Amino acid sequence: MRTTTKMNRKRLVGVAVATAAAITMAAMPGSAFADDTTGTTPEAYESYLVEQVELGDSDAQETLDQYSALSDGDKEQFVDLLNDPQRGQELGDFISDVSDVESIDEENYTTETRKEAADGDVVLEATLAVEETETPPTTEEELADPSARYYDRSAWYSVSDTIFGVKVTTVKIGVNYRTTSSRVVKVYNGWASHRNYVPFADFSNSPVKEWISADPANNATAETIWQGKWAGFSWDARERIWADQSGFKGGYLK
C-alpha cells in the first residue's frame, strides 16, 4: 500500500480497520459522506445503514442486523473505532507494501488469513473458496484426447474487516478458469467485487487483469488495484489470487 500523504503509512492503514477496509473497497452508492456527521454517533451510523437497506442494498441488512445486536456500550466503542485512524495499527502488515510482488514464490507463499487489533475488537480476516464443475471437451485440441478430463473452476479470495463482529468492508478478487486433472489450460476471466459500510470513505479499483503464470507454477491468476480515500488520506493496495487444478493456491492484499 502506498500512501499519498506525508502521514505514517501504518497509522493510515490503522483506521479502525473500518478503514482497513480502506484498502478494501470500491465506492458504493451513498458511501461518500466525508463532509457530514454520518457514522460519528451510534444513532447516525444506524440511520446510515437503514438508508442503505431502503436503497435496495441487500448486503447492508446483514451489517445492520449485526450492528443492532450490539449493546449500547459496544455501539459507542464501535463508532469510536470507526472514526479513529490511529486504531488498528497492528493491521498494517496485512495490507502493507510488498517491495517486489513479482518475486513472490507462488508455490510456497503462505496466505495470511487473520489479523487482530484493539484487543481483538477489530479483526481483518481472509476467506478463500473454490467451485468446480467437470465439463466435456469442447475444442479440437481437447477432443483429440478422449481420455482427458476437463473442469471449469472458479476460485476467489476476499478480505473483510469487522468491528465487534460487525462486517464493515470486504474486497474480493476471483478468477474463472479451465483445467485438466493436472494443469491449467485457460483463464476465462478475472473479477472483483466489494462492500463498504464506512460512510465517509470512497474507493475504486482498477480493471482486473488475468493470466496463466509461467511453468512450473501454471496458475490461473487475477489481480486488481484498490484505491481509497478516507478522511483526507489516499492510498492503494494490490489484491491478487492464484489457483490451479487443485483449487485455491494463494492470495494477498498488500
C-alpha atoms as a PDB file:
ATOM      1  CA  MET A   1       0.000   0.000   0.000  1.00  0.00           C
ATOM      2  CA  ARG A   2       1.371   3.413  -0.922  1.00  0.00           C
ATOM      3  CA  THR A   3       0.041   6.483   0.890  1.00  0.00           C
ATOM      4  CA  THR A   4      -0.027   9.787  -0.954  1.00  0.00           C
ATOM      5  CA  THR A   5       0.250  11.942   2.155  1.00  0.00           C
ATOM      6  CA  LYS A   6       3.180  12.520   4.486  1.00  0.00           C
ATOM      7  CA  MET A   7       1.473  10.695   7.294  1.00  0.00           C
ATOM      8  CA  ASN A   8       2.918   7.475   8.654  1.00  0.00           C
ATOM      9  CA  ARG A   9       1.660   4.589   6.489  1.00  0.00           C
ATOM     10  CA  LYS A  10       0.733   2.241   9.269  1.00  0.00           C
ATOM     11  CA  ARG A  11      -1.207   4.931  11.005  1.00  0.00           C
ATOM     12  CA  LEU A  12      -3.252   5.319   7.848  1.00  0.00           C
ATOM     13  CA  VAL A  13      -3.925   1.661   7.461  1.00  0.00           C
ATOM     14  CA  GLY A  14      -4.860   1.512  11.063  1.00  0.00           C
ATOM     15  CA  VAL A  15      -8.220   3.149  10.592  1.00  0.00           C
ATOM     16  CA  ALA A  16     -10.089   1.082  12.978  1.00  0.00           C
ATOM     17  CA  VAL A  17      -9.922  -1.379  10.300  1.00  0.00           C
ATOM     18  CA  ALA A  18     -13.026   0.088   9.202  1.00  0.00           C
ATOM     19  CA  THR A  19     -10.614   1.611   7.002  1.00  0.00           C
ATOM     20  CA  ALA A  20      -8.512  -1.364   6.856  1.00  0.00           C
ATOM     21  CA  ALA A  21     -11.312  -1.884   4.670  1.00  0.00           C
ATOM     22  CA  ALA A  22      -9.948   1.124   3.451  1.00  0.00           C
ATOM     23  CA  ILE A  23      -7.959  -0.694   1.125  1.00  0.00           C
ATOM     24  CA  THR A  24     -10.648  -2.946   0.851  1.00  0.00           C
ATOM     25  CA  MET A  25     -13.362  -1.293  -1.062  1.00  0.00           C
ATOM     26  CA  ALA A  26     -14.634   0.451  -4.033  1.00  0.00           C
ATOM     27  CA  ALA A  27     -17.328   3.051  -3.584  1.00  0.00           C
ATOM     28  CA  MET A  28     -20.992   2.174  -3.274  1.00  0.00           C
ATOM     29  CA  PRO A  29     -23.995   4.472  -3.637  1.00  0.00           C
ATOM     30  CA  GLY A  30     -24.358   6.570  -0.538  1.00  0.00           C
ATOM     31  CA  SER A  31     -20.851   5.753   0.746  1.00  0.00           C
ATOM     32  CA  ALA A  32     -19.169   9.154   0.397  1.00  0.00           C
ATOM     33  CA  PHE A  33     -20.215  11.352   3.306  1.00  0.00           C
ATOM     34  CA  ALA A  34     -16.884  12.965   4.111  1.00  0.00           C
ATOM     35  CA  ASP A  35     -18.441  16.352   4.942  1.00  0.00           C
ATOM     36  CA  ASP A  36     -21.303  15.336   7.239  1.00  0.00           C
ATOM     37  CA  THR A  37     -21.712  13.557  10.563  1.00  0.00           C
ATOM     38  CA  THR A  38     -22.851  10.188   9.182  1.00  0.00           C
ATOM     39  CA  GLY A  39     -21.295   7.462  11.289  1.00  0.00           C
ATOM     40  CA  THR A  40     -19.949   9.747  14.004  1.00  0.00           C
ATOM     41  CA  THR A  41     -22.583   8.690  16.554  1.00  0.00           C
ATOM     42  CA  PRO A  42     -24.270   5.318  17.122  1.00  0.00           C
ATOM     43  CA  GLU A  43     -27.623   6.744  16.037  1.00  0.00           C
ATOM     44  CA  ALA A  44     -26.200   8.351  12.903  1.00  0.00           C
ATOM     45  CA  TYR A  45     -24.447   5.148  11.840  1.00  0.00           C
ATOM     46  CA  GLU A  46     -27.595   3.081  12.316  1.00  0.00           C
ATOM     47  CA  SER A  47     -29.565   5.616  10.263  1.00  0.00           C
ATOM     48  CA  TYR A  48     -26.942   5.357   7.537  1.00  0.00           C
ATOM     49  CA  LEU A  49     -27.315   1.566   7.411  1.00  0.00           C
ATOM     50  CA  VAL A  50     -31.109   1.802   7.366  1.00  0.00           C
ATOM     51  CA  GLU A  51     -30.843   4.187   4.422  1.00  0.00           C
ATOM     52  CA  GLN A  52     -28.646   1.726   2.523  1.00  0.00           C
ATOM     53  CA  VAL A  53     -31.192  -1.048   3.085  1.00  0.00           C
ATOM     54  CA  GLU A  54     -34.013   1.195   1.917  1.00  0.00           C
ATOM     55  CA  LEU A  55     -31.993   1.976  -1.218  1.00  0.00           C
ATOM     56  CA  GLY A  56     -32.029  -1.740  -2.019  1.00  0.00           C
ATOM     57  CA  ASP A  57     -28.603  -2.788  -0.774  1.00  0.00           C
ATOM     58  CA  SER A  58     -29.272  -6.332   0.455  1.00  0.00           C
ATOM     59  CA  ASP A  59     -25.777  -6.734   1.942  1.00  0.00           C
ATOM     60  CA  ALA A  60     -26.398  -3.751   4.207  1.00  0.00           C
ATOM     61  CA  GLN A  61     -29.103  -5.719   6.006  1.00  0.00           C
ATOM     62  CA  GLU A  62     -26.523  -8.174   7.349  1.00  0.00           C
ATOM     63  CA  THR A  63     -24.392  -5.333   8.702  1.00  0.00           C
ATOM     64  CA  LEU A  64     -27.460  -3.588  10.148  1.00  0.00           C
ATOM     65  CA  ASP A  65     -28.573  -6.788  11.916  1.00  0.00           C
ATOM     66  CA  GLN A  66     -25.094  -7.310  13.367  1.00  0.00           C
ATOM     67  CA  TYR A  67     -24.839  -3.701  14.497  1.00  0.00           C
ATOM     68  CA  SER A  68     -28.331  -3.636  16.006  1.00  0.00           C
ATOM     69  CA  ALA A  69     -27.443  -6.656  18.158  1.00  0.00           C
ATOM     70  CA  LEU A  70     -24.646  -4.760  19.930  1.00  0.00           C
ATOM     71  CA  SER A  71     -25.130  -3.299  23.374  1.00  0.00           C
ATOM     72  CA  ASP A  72     -25.284   0.489  23.713  1.00  0.00           C
ATOM     73  CA  GLY A  73     -21.772   0.480  25.143  1.00  0.00           C
ATOM     74  CA  ASP A  74     -20.389  -1.589  22.275  1.00  0.00           C
ATOM     75  CA  LYS A  75     -22.085   0.720  19.775  1.00  0.00           C
ATOM     76  CA  GLU A  76     -20.284   3.677  21.333  1.00  0.00           C
ATOM     77  CA  GLN A  77     -16.951   1.864  21.113  1.00  0.00           C
ATOM     78  CA  PHE A  78     -17.765   0.715  17.565  1.00  0.00           C
ATOM     79  CA  VAL A  79     -18.207   4.301  16.420  1.00  0.00           C
ATOM     80  CA  ASP A  80     -15.012   5.343  18.210  1.00  0.00           C
ATOM     81  CA  LEU A  81     -13.104   2.649  16.325  1.00  0.00           C
ATOM     82  CA  LEU A  82     -14.780   3.537  13.055  1.00  0.00           C
ATOM     83  CA  ASN A  83     -13.675   7.152  13.406  1.00  0.00           C
ATOM     84  CA  ASP A  84     -10.183   6.770  14.868  1.00  0.00           C
ATOM     85  CA  PRO A  85      -7.472   6.404  12.177  1.00  0.00           C
ATOM     86  CA  GLN A  86      -4.859   5.591  14.832  1.00  0.00           C
ATOM     87  CA  ARG A  87      -6.557   2.381  15.918  1.00  0.00           C
ATOM     88  CA  GLY A  88      -5.683  -0.992  14.478  1.00  0.00           C
ATOM     89  CA  GLN A  89      -2.080  -0.135  13.619  1.00  0.00           C
ATOM     90  CA  GLU A  90      -1.177  -3.796  14.049  1.00  0.00           C
ATOM     91  CA  LEU A  91      -3.112  -4.486  10.857  1.00  0.00           C
ATOM     92  CA  GLY A  92      -0.624  -2.530   8.795  1.00  0.00           C
ATOM     93  CA  ASP A  93       1.412  -5.556   7.798  1.00  0.00           C
ATOM     94  CA  PHE A  94      -1.663  -7.273   6.365  1.00  0.00           C
ATOM     95  CA  ILE A  95      -2.062  -4.564   3.764  1.00  0.00           C
ATOM     96  CA  SER A  96       1.416  -3.095   3.578  1.00  0.00           C
ATOM     97  CA  ASP A  97       3.641  -2.754   0.538  1.00  0.00           C
ATOM     98  CA  VAL A  98       5.460  -5.681  -0.972  1.00  0.00           C
ATOM     99  CA  SER A  99       8.641  -4.262  -2.439  1.00  0.00           C
ATOM    100  CA  ASP A 100       8.701  -6.712  -5.341  1.00  0.00           C
ATOM    101  CA  VAL A 101       5.449  -8.599  -5.817  1.00  0.00           C
ATOM    102  CA  GLU A 102       6.754 -10.279  -8.957  1.00  0.00           C
ATOM    103  CA  SER A 103       9.378 -12.114  -6.891  1.00  0.00           C
ATOM    104  CA  ILE A 104       6.800 -13.922  -4.742  1.00  0.00           C
ATOM    105  CA  ASP A 105       7.206 -17.694  -4.799  1.00  0.00           C
ATOM    106  CA  GLU A 106       3.602 -18.659  -5.543  1.00  0.00           C
ATOM    107  CA  GLU A 107       4.087 -22.332  -4.755  1.00  0.00           C
ATOM    108  CA  ASN A 108       5.419 -21.645  -1.256  1.00  0.00           C
ATOM    109  CA  TYR A 109       3.634 -18.416  -0.349  1.00  0.00           C
ATOM    110  CA  THR A 110       1.639 -18.512   2.898  1.00  0.00           C
ATOM    111  CA  THR A 111      -1.641 -16.629   2.640  1.00  0.00           C
ATOM    112  CA  GLU A 112      -2.340 -14.528   5.708  1.00  0.00           C
ATOM    113  CA  THR A 113      -5.848 -15.149   6.960  1.00  0.00           C
ATOM    114  CA  ARG A 114      -6.351 -13.147  10.146  1.00  0.00           C
ATOM    115  CA  LYS A 115      -5.133 -10.043  11.987  1.00  0.00           C
ATOM    116  CA  GLU A 116      -6.470  -8.530  15.189  1.00  0.00           C
ATOM    117  CA  ALA A 117      -6.232  -5.075  16.734  1.00  0.00           C
ATOM    118  CA  ALA A 118      -7.810  -3.070  19.559  1.00  0.00           C
ATOM    119  CA  ASP A 119      -7.580  -6.076  21.893  1.00  0.00           C
ATOM    120  CA  GLY A 120      -9.406  -8.250  19.386  1.00  0.00           C
ATOM    121  CA  ASP A 121     -12.362  -5.927  18.901  1.00  0.00           C
ATOM    122  CA  VAL A 122     -11.196  -5.270  15.347  1.00  0.00           C
ATOM    123  CA  VAL A 123     -10.482  -8.209  13.051  1.00  0.00           C
ATOM    124  CA  LEU A 124      -9.269  -8.360   9.467  1.00  0.00           C
ATOM    125  CA  GLU A 125      -9.942 -11.825   8.085  1.00  0.00           C
ATOM    126  CA  ALA A 126      -9.464 -13.518   4.726  1.00  0.00           C
ATOM    127  CA  THR A 127     -11.789 -16.088   3.183  1.00  0.00           C
ATOM    128  CA  LEU A 128     -10.957 -18.332   0.247  1.00  0.00           C
ATOM    129  CA  ALA A 129     -13.025 -20.770  -1.737  1.00  0.00           C
ATOM    130  CA  VAL A 130     -13.263 -22.695  -4.995  1.00  0.00           C
ATOM    131  CA  GLU A 131     -16.040 -24.307  -7.016  1.00  0.00           C
ATOM    132  CA  GLU A 132     -15.590 -26.793  -9.836  1.00  0.00           C
ATOM    133  CA  THR A 133     -17.696 -28.497 -12.463  1.00  0.00           C
ATOM    134  CA  GLU A 134     -16.490 -31.315 -14.677  1.00  0.00           C
ATOM    135  CA  THR A 135     -17.256 -30.332 -18.261  1.00  0.00           C
ATOM    136  CA  PRO A 136     -16.934 -32.173 -21.564  1.00  0.00           C
ATOM    137  CA  PRO A 137     -14.166 -31.307 -24.049  1.00  0.00           C
ATOM    138  CA  THR A 138     -15.086 -28.500 -26.423  1.00  0.00           C
ATOM    139  CA  THR A 139     -12.111 -27.578 -28.616  1.00  0.00           C
ATOM    140  CA  GLU A 140     -10.441 -29.668 -31.292  1.00  0.00           C
ATOM    141  CA  GLU A 141      -7.400 -29.994 -29.074  1.00  0.00           C
ATOM    142  CA  GLU A 142      -9.490 -31.262 -26.186  1.00  0.00           C
ATOM    143  CA  LEU A 143     -11.476 -33.625 -28.388  1.00  0.00           C
ATOM    144  CA  ALA A 144      -8.243 -35.100 -29.728  1.00  0.00           C
ATOM    145  CA  ASP A 145      -7.612 -36.773 -26.375  1.00  0.00           C
ATOM    146  CA  PRO A 146     -10.744 -38.720 -25.400  1.00  0.00           C
ATOM    147  CA  SER A 147      -9.148 -39.870 -22.139  1.00  0.00           C
ATOM    148  CA  ALA A 148      -8.606 -36.342 -20.807  1.00  0.00           C
ATOM    149  CA  ARG A 149     -10.919 -34.897 -18.153  1.00  0.00           C
ATOM    150  CA  TYR A 150     -11.707 -31.170 -18.113  1.00  0.00           C
ATOM    151  CA  TYR A 151     -13.006 -28.938 -15.335  1.00  0.00           C
ATOM    152  CA  ASP A 152     -14.359 -25.417 -15.220  1.00  0.00           C
ATOM    153  CA  ARG A 153     -13.359 -23.836 -11.940  1.00  0.00           C
ATOM    154  CA  SER A 154     -13.964 -20.602 -10.037  1.00  0.00           C
ATOM    155  CA  ALA A 155     -11.721 -19.562  -7.154  1.00  0.00           C
ATOM    156  CA  TRP A 156     -11.900 -16.403  -5.070  1.00  0.00           C
ATOM    157  CA  TYR A 157     -10.146 -14.660  -2.202  1.00  0.00           C
ATOM    158  CA  SER A 158     -11.774 -11.993  -0.049  1.00  0.00           C
ATOM    159  CA  VAL A 159     -10.655  -9.855   2.864  1.00  0.00           C
ATOM    160  CA  SER A 160     -13.184  -8.463   5.324  1.00  0.00           C
ATOM    161  CA  ASP A 161     -12.841  -6.355   8.388  1.00  0.00           C
ATOM    162  CA  THR A 162     -15.178  -6.421  11.335  1.00  0.00           C
ATOM    163  CA  ILE A 163     -15.609  -4.298  14.434  1.00  0.00           C
ATOM    164  CA  PHE A 164     -17.233  -6.094  17.376  1.00  0.00           C
ATOM    165  CA  GLY A 165     -18.273  -8.766  14.876  1.00  0.00           C
ATOM    166  CA  VAL A 166     -19.960  -6.258  12.544  1.00  0.00           C
ATOM    167  CA  LYS A 167     -18.687  -6.645   8.989  1.00  0.00           C
ATOM    168  CA  VAL A 168     -17.982  -3.178   7.634  1.00  0.00           C
ATOM    169  CA  THR A 169     -15.941  -3.797   4.489  1.00  0.00           C
ATOM    170  CA  THR A 170     -14.999  -6.617   2.134  1.00  0.00           C
ATOM    171  CA  VAL A 171     -12.982  -6.783  -1.048  1.00  0.00           C
ATOM    172  CA  LYS A 172     -12.952  -9.878  -3.199  1.00  0.00           C
ATOM    173  CA  ILE A 173     -10.896 -10.991  -6.184  1.00  0.00           C
ATOM    174  CA  GLY A 174     -11.790 -14.059  -8.236  1.00  0.00           C
ATOM    175  CA  VAL A 175     -10.758 -15.996 -11.317  1.00  0.00           C
ATOM    176  CA  ASN A 176     -12.747 -18.343 -13.576  1.00  0.00           C
ATOM    177  CA  TYR A 177     -10.635 -20.887 -15.438  1.00  0.00           C
ATOM    178  CA  ARG A 178     -10.394 -24.328 -17.071  1.00  0.00           C
ATOM    179  CA  THR A 179      -8.118 -27.229 -16.198  1.00  0.00           C
ATOM    180  CA  THR A 180      -7.357 -30.835 -16.896  1.00  0.00           C
ATOM    181  CA  SER A 181      -6.687 -33.095 -13.943  1.00  0.00           C
ATOM    182  CA  SER A 182      -3.071 -31.939 -13.962  1.00  0.00           C
ATOM    183  CA  ARG A 183      -2.804 -28.342 -15.222  1.00  0.00           C
ATOM    184  CA  VAL A 184      -4.487 -25.032 -16.039  1.00  0.00           C
ATOM    185  CA  VAL A 185      -5.309 -24.729 -19.725  1.00  0.00           C
ATOM    186  CA  LYS A 186      -7.343 -21.498 -19.918  1.00  0.00           C
ATOM    187  CA  VAL A 187      -8.329 -18.430 -17.909  1.00  0.00           C
ATOM    188  CA  TYR A 188     -11.818 -17.250 -18.797  1.00  0.00           C
ATOM    189  CA  ASN A 189     -11.805 -14.044 -16.794  1.00  0.00           C
ATOM    190  CA  GLY A 190     -10.916 -12.380 -13.520  1.00  0.00           C
ATOM    191  CA  TRP A 191     -13.363 -10.328 -11.474  1.00  0.00           C
ATOM    192  CA  ALA A 192     -13.558  -8.175  -8.358  1.00  0.00           C
ATOM    193  CA  SER A 193     -16.348  -7.075  -6.020  1.00  0.00           C
ATOM    194  CA  HIS A 194     -16.683  -5.235  -2.738  1.00  0.00           C
ATOM    195  CA  ARG A 195     -18.898  -3.971   0.047  1.00  0.00           C
ATOM    196  CA  ASN A 196     -18.248  -0.803   2.016  1.00  0.00           C
ATOM    197  CA  TYR A 197     -20.110   0.423   5.085  1.00  0.00           C
ATOM    198  CA  VAL A 198     -17.650   3.096   6.157  1.00  0.00           C
ATOM    199  CA  PRO A 199     -19.871   6.061   5.280  1.00  0.00           C
ATOM    200  CA  PHE A 200     -17.119   8.666   4.974  1.00  0.00           C
ATOM    201  CA  ALA A 201     -14.845   6.555   2.751  1.00  0.00           C
ATOM    202  CA  ASP A 202     -14.629   6.447  -1.024  1.00  0.00           C
ATOM    203  CA  PHE A 203     -12.988   3.596  -3.003  1.00  0.00           C
ATOM    204  CA  SER A 204     -12.457   2.286  -6.515  1.00  0.00           C
ATOM    205  CA  ASN A 205     -10.470  -0.444  -8.250  1.00  0.00           C
ATOM    206  CA  SER A 206      -8.567  -0.835 -11.480  1.00  0.00           C
ATOM    207  CA  PRO A 207      -9.679  -3.157 -14.305  1.00  0.00           C
ATOM    208  CA  VAL A 208      -8.951  -6.759 -13.326  1.00  0.00           C
ATOM    209  CA  LYS A 209      -6.023  -8.421 -15.074  1.00  0.00           C
ATOM    210  CA  GLU A 210      -5.829 -12.168 -15.543  1.00  0.00           C
ATOM    211  CA  TRP A 211      -3.214 -14.592 -16.889  1.00  0.00           C
ATOM    212  CA  ILE A 212      -1.657 -18.049 -16.560  1.00  0.00           C
ATOM    213  CA  SER A 213       1.632 -17.896 -14.684  1.00  0.00           C
ATOM    214  CA  ALA A 214       4.708 -19.483 -16.213  1.00  0.00           C
ATOM    215  CA  ASP A 215       5.708 -23.075 -15.550  1.00  0.00           C
ATOM    216  CA  PRO A 216       6.251 -24.749 -13.211  1.00  0.00           C
ATOM    217  CA  ALA A 217       3.534 -22.864 -11.295  1.00  0.00           C
ATOM    218  CA  ASN A 218       0.996 -22.864 -14.139  1.00  0.00           C
ATOM    219  CA  ASN A 219      -1.593 -20.998 -12.059  1.00  0.00           C
ATOM    220  CA  ALA A 220      -4.684 -19.087 -13.135  1.00  0.00           C
ATOM    221  CA  THR A 221      -4.070 -15.609 -11.732  1.00  0.00           C
ATOM    222  CA  ALA A 222      -6.176 -12.448 -11.344  1.00  0.00           C
ATOM    223  CA  GLU A 223      -5.267  -9.066  -9.876  1.00  0.00           C
ATOM    224  CA  THR A 224      -6.712  -5.622  -9.222  1.00  0.00           C
ATOM    225  CA  ILE A 225      -5.523  -2.442  -7.512  1.00  0.00           C
ATOM    226  CA  TRP A 226      -7.846  -0.972  -4.893  1.00  0.00           C
ATOM    227  CA  GLN A 227      -7.658   2.786  -4.353  1.00  0.00           C
ATOM    228  CA  GLY A 228      -9.170   4.594  -1.409  1.00  0.00           C
ATOM    229  CA  LYS A 229      -9.680   7.963   0.205  1.00  0.00           C
ATOM    230  CA  TRP A 230     -10.538   8.266   3.859  1.00  0.00           C
ATOM    231  CA  ALA A 231     -10.618  11.405   5.982  1.00  0.00           C
ATOM    232  CA  GLY A 232      -8.419  13.258   3.520  1.00  0.00           C
ATOM    233  CA  PHE A 233      -5.866  10.478   3.077  1.00  0.00           C
ATOM    234  CA  SER A 234      -5.297   8.431  -0.075  1.00  0.00           C
ATOM    235  CA  TRP A 235      -3.696   5.028  -0.610  1.00  0.00           C
ATOM    236  CA  ASP A 236      -3.744   1.985  -2.839  1.00  0.00           C
ATOM    237  CA  ALA A 237      -3.261  -1.766  -2.413  1.00  0.00           C
ATOM    238  CA  ARG A 238      -2.922  -4.730  -4.729  1.00  0.00           C
ATOM    239  CA  GLU A 239      -5.167  -7.778  -4.350  1.00  0.00           C
ATOM    240  CA  ARG A 240      -4.160 -10.955  -6.168  1.00  0.00           C
ATOM    241  CA  ILE A 241      -5.315 -14.568  -6.313  1.00  0.00           C
ATOM    242  CA  TRP A 242      -3.799 -17.623  -7.977  1.00  0.00           C
ATOM    243  CA  ALA A 243      -5.262 -21.109  -8.333  1.00  0.00           C
ATOM    244  CA  ASP A 244      -4.565 -24.351 -10.167  1.00  0.00           C
ATOM    245  CA  GLN A 245      -6.184 -27.722 -10.923  1.00  0.00           C
ATOM    246  CA  SER A 246      -6.475 -28.423  -7.188  1.00  0.00           C
ATOM    247  CA  GLY A 247      -8.197 -25.112  -6.440  1.00  0.00           C
ATOM    248  CA  PHE A 248      -7.103 -22.033  -4.487  1.00  0.00           C
ATOM    249  CA  LYS A 249      -3.329 -21.772  -4.048  1.00  0.00           C
ATOM    250  CA  GLY A 250      -2.690 -18.316  -2.646  1.00  0.00           C
ATOM    251  CA  GLY A 251      -3.644 -14.669  -2.432  1.00  0.00           C
ATOM    252  CA  TYR A 252      -2.746 -11.393  -0.808  1.00  0.00           C
ATOM    253  CA  LEU A 253      -3.910  -7.851  -0.231  1.00  0.00           C
ATOM    254  CA  LYS A 254      -0.865  -5.586   0.040  1.00  0.00           C
END
